[in-house]
Amino acid sequence: MLQIPFKMVSSTLNSLCCVLNVSEDESQPVRLFHISFRDFLLDPQRCSDSPFQIDKTERHTSLFRECMSHISQLQENICNLWGPGVLITEIPDDTIQKSILPHVQYACCYWFDHWRLGNPVGEDIKTIRQFLEQHFLHWLEGLGLIGEVSNGAHMIIALEEILSVSCNTH
């Protein structure tokens, strides 16, 4: 997702195994052993070593933009289905997993959260508008295939509320 070579990510994660729980299954998320490590990385008072210090809003903004990049590449008929009206239960799981890679599934589900928690600028709102105009149905199709349509509906409702409040205050 972050355009970092797998070998570099793997090497870095291995060196942090004392504070991170890294599953053997690469599809599983990396988890912290202690929440205090997260707090340490996010607090510039406590983490004075700049390569490790994380600016939370900046990171969310960056992740939002990466998510947009990935989901803006979605196309109609993602899984090359044989016709409209195919039941989700008729589509083999491996077909969905091969067609919608894990990082794209993540992007479909979490782009809005990263946008909301980041420090978006006008260009980011323009990106969202462009995405919705060009790829909204592709995104909905992707969400349907991974069983997350209700999550998408909640995102759109929240997005509309945020943007209408934002427009009314300007």
Protein backbone atom coordinates (compact mmCIF):
# COMPACT_ATOMS: atom_id res chain seq x y z
CA MET A 1 0.00 0.00 0.00
CA LEU A 2 2.77 2.44 0.87
CA GLN A 3 4.92 1.56 -2.12
CA ILE A 4 7.67 0.09 0.07
CA PRO A 5 9.35 -3.12 -1.12
CA PHE A 6 8.16 -6.21 0.78
CA LYS A 7 11.73 -7.20 1.69
CA MET A 8 12.31 -3.85 3.40
CA VAL A 9 9.00 -4.06 5.30
CA SER A 10 9.75 -7.62 6.39
CA SER A 11 13.25 -6.73 7.57
CA THR A 12 11.97 -3.73 9.54
CA LEU A 13 9.16 -5.74 11.13
CA ASN A 14 11.57 -8.50 12.14
CA SER A 15 13.76 -5.98 13.93
CA LEU A 16 10.73 -4.70 15.87
CA CYS A 17 9.38 -8.07 16.99
CA CYS A 18 9.91 -7.17 20.66
CA VAL A 19 7.21 -4.46 20.41
CA LEU A 20 5.11 -5.73 17.49
CA ASN A 21 3.11 -8.89 17.06
CA VAL A 22 3.77 -9.97 13.48
CA SER A 23 1.71 -12.94 12.34
CA GLU A 24 3.15 -15.67 10.12
CA ASP A 25 0.09 -15.09 7.92
CA GLU A 26 0.97 -12.04 5.81
CA SER A 27 -2.70 -11.19 5.33
CA GLN A 28 -3.07 -10.50 9.06
CA PRO A 29 -2.40 -7.02 10.45
CA VAL A 30 0.62 -6.18 12.52
CA ARG A 31 -0.41 -5.46 16.09
CA LEU A 32 1.27 -3.70 19.00
CA PHE A 33 2.07 -5.67 22.14
CA HIS A 34 1.57 -2.54 24.24
CA ILE A 35 -0.51 0.54 23.40
CA SER A 36 2.12 2.61 25.20
CA PHE A 37 4.44 2.10 22.21
CA ARG A 38 1.88 3.84 19.97
CA ASP A 39 1.57 6.67 22.47
CA PHE A 40 5.35 6.99 22.57
CA LEU A 41 5.66 7.26 18.77
CA LEU A 42 2.90 9.88 18.53
CA ASP A 43 4.17 12.13 21.32
CA PRO A 44 7.00 14.44 20.18
CA GLN A 45 7.82 15.15 23.85
CA ARG A 46 8.54 11.48 24.50
CA CYS A 47 9.90 10.39 21.11
CA SER A 48 12.63 12.84 20.26
CA ASP A 49 14.25 10.62 17.62
CA SER A 50 12.76 12.08 14.44
CA PRO A 51 12.99 8.96 12.22
CA PHE A 52 10.61 7.18 14.60
CA GLN A 53 8.34 10.07 15.48
CA ILE A 54 4.94 9.97 13.78
CA ASP A 55 2.74 12.96 13.01
CA LYS A 56 -0.69 11.35 13.26
CA THR A 57 -2.63 13.78 11.05
CA GLU A 58 0.10 13.86 8.43
CA ARG A 59 0.18 10.04 8.33
CA HIS A 60 -3.63 9.85 7.97
CA THR A 61 -3.52 12.36 5.11
CA SER A 62 -0.81 10.35 3.39
CA LEU A 63 -2.76 7.11 3.84
CA PHE A 64 -5.93 8.76 2.51
CA ARG A 65 -4.09 9.78 -0.66
CA GLU A 66 -2.66 6.28 -1.10
CA CYS A 67 -6.13 4.79 -0.61
CA MET A 68 -7.56 7.14 -3.24
CA SER A 69 -4.82 6.15 -5.65
CA HIS A 70 -5.67 2.47 -5.26
CA ILE A 71 -9.46 2.67 -5.35
CA SER A 72 -9.40 5.08 -8.30
CA GLN A 73 -8.01 2.19 -10.33
CA LEU A 74 -11.07 0.00 -9.74
CA GLN A 75 -12.90 -0.96 -12.91
CA GLU A 76 -16.34 -2.26 -13.78
CA ASN A 77 -16.82 -6.03 -13.36
CA ILE A 78 -13.81 -6.41 -11.08
CA CYS A 79 -14.00 -10.20 -10.92
CA ASN A 80 -14.88 -10.70 -14.61
CA LEU A 81 -18.21 -12.24 -13.68
CA TRP A 82 -20.23 -14.06 -16.30
CA GLY A 83 -23.26 -11.78 -16.03
CA PRO A 84 -25.25 -9.34 -13.94
CA GLY A 85 -27.21 -10.66 -11.01
CA VAL A 86 -24.61 -13.25 -9.97
CA LEU A 87 -25.03 -14.15 -6.31
CA ILE A 88 -22.04 -13.41 -4.11
CA THR A 89 -22.25 -16.99 -2.85
CA GLU A 90 -21.60 -18.20 -6.42
CA ILE A 91 -18.28 -16.38 -6.63
CA PRO A 92 -15.32 -18.38 -5.29
CA ASP A 93 -13.49 -16.58 -2.45
CA ASP A 94 -10.16 -16.97 -4.23
CA THR A 95 -11.58 -15.13 -7.27
CA ILE A 96 -12.46 -12.16 -5.07
CA GLN A 97 -9.08 -12.27 -3.26
CA LYS A 98 -7.19 -12.36 -6.57
CA SER A 99 -9.30 -9.59 -8.10
CA ILE A 100 -9.37 -7.24 -5.12
CA LEU A 101 -5.99 -7.43 -3.45
CA PRO A 102 -5.76 -6.91 0.34
CA HIS A 103 -4.39 -3.37 0.08
CA VAL A 104 -7.25 -2.41 -2.26
CA GLN A 105 -9.77 -3.98 0.14
CA TYR A 106 -8.20 -1.92 2.92
CA ALA A 107 -8.36 1.23 0.78
CA CYS A 108 -12.05 0.61 -0.04
CA CYS A 109 -12.91 0.32 3.65
CA TYR A 110 -10.71 2.97 5.27
CA TRP A 111 -10.10 5.87 2.86
CA PHE A 112 -12.81 7.93 4.54
CA ASP A 113 -11.43 7.37 8.06
CA HIS A 114 -7.98 8.49 6.96
CA TRP A 115 -9.43 11.57 5.23
CA ARG A 116 -11.49 12.49 8.31
CA LEU A 117 -8.58 12.01 10.73
CA GLY A 118 -6.01 13.71 8.51
CA ASN A 119 -5.44 17.30 7.56
CA PRO A 120 -7.20 17.47 4.20
CA VAL A 121 -6.83 20.39 1.84
CA GLY A 122 -9.10 21.58 -0.96
CA GLU A 123 -7.27 19.36 -3.44
CA ASP A 124 -8.27 16.31 -1.38
CA ILE A 125 -11.96 17.25 -1.59
CA LYS A 126 -11.52 17.69 -5.33
CA THR A 127 -9.99 14.18 -5.44
CA ILE A 128 -13.00 12.76 -3.57
CA ARG A 129 -15.43 14.49 -5.91
CA GLN A 130 -13.56 13.18 -8.96
CA PHE A 131 -13.46 9.69 -7.45
CA LEU A 132 -17.20 9.70 -6.75
CA GLU A 133 -17.97 10.95 -10.27
CA GLN A 134 -15.77 8.37 -12.00
CA HIS A 135 -15.50 5.35 -9.71
CA PHE A 136 -18.41 5.39 -7.26
CA LEU A 137 -20.12 2.36 -8.81
CA HIS A 138 -16.81 0.48 -9.11
CA TRP A 139 -16.15 1.14 -5.41
CA LEU A 140 -19.66 -0.04 -4.49
CA GLU A 141 -19.11 -3.19 -6.53
CA GLY A 142 -15.83 -3.80 -4.69
CA LEU A 143 -17.49 -3.21 -1.32
CA GLY A 144 -20.26 -5.63 -2.29
CA LEU A 145 -17.79 -8.33 -3.24
CA ILE A 146 -15.96 -8.04 0.09
CA GLY A 147 -19.17 -7.74 2.12
CA GLU A 148 -18.74 -4.10 3.16
CA VAL A 149 -21.58 -2.21 1.40
CA SER A 150 -23.13 -1.04 4.67
CA ASN A 151 -19.74 0.42 5.65
CA GLY A 152 -19.73 2.32 2.35
CA ALA A 153 -23.22 3.68 2.99
CA HIS A 154 -22.11 4.95 6.39
CA MET A 155 -19.07 6.62 4.80
CA ILE A 156 -21.18 8.44 2.21
CA ILE A 157 -23.68 9.65 4.83
CA ALA A 158 -20.86 10.91 7.07
CA LEU A 159 -19.06 12.50 4.10
CA GLU A 160 -22.24 14.34 3.12
CA GLU A 161 -22.71 15.60 6.69
CA ILE A 162 -19.11 16.80 6.98
CA LEU A 163 -19.12 18.53 3.60
CA SER A 164 -22.50 20.19 4.17
CA VAL A 165 -21.32 21.56 7.54
CA SER A 166 -18.06 22.67 5.93
CA CYS A 167 -19.90 24.44 3.09
CA ASN A 168 -22.27 26.16 5.51
CA THR A 169 -19.41 27.56 7.61
CA HIS A 170 -17.59 29.09 4.64
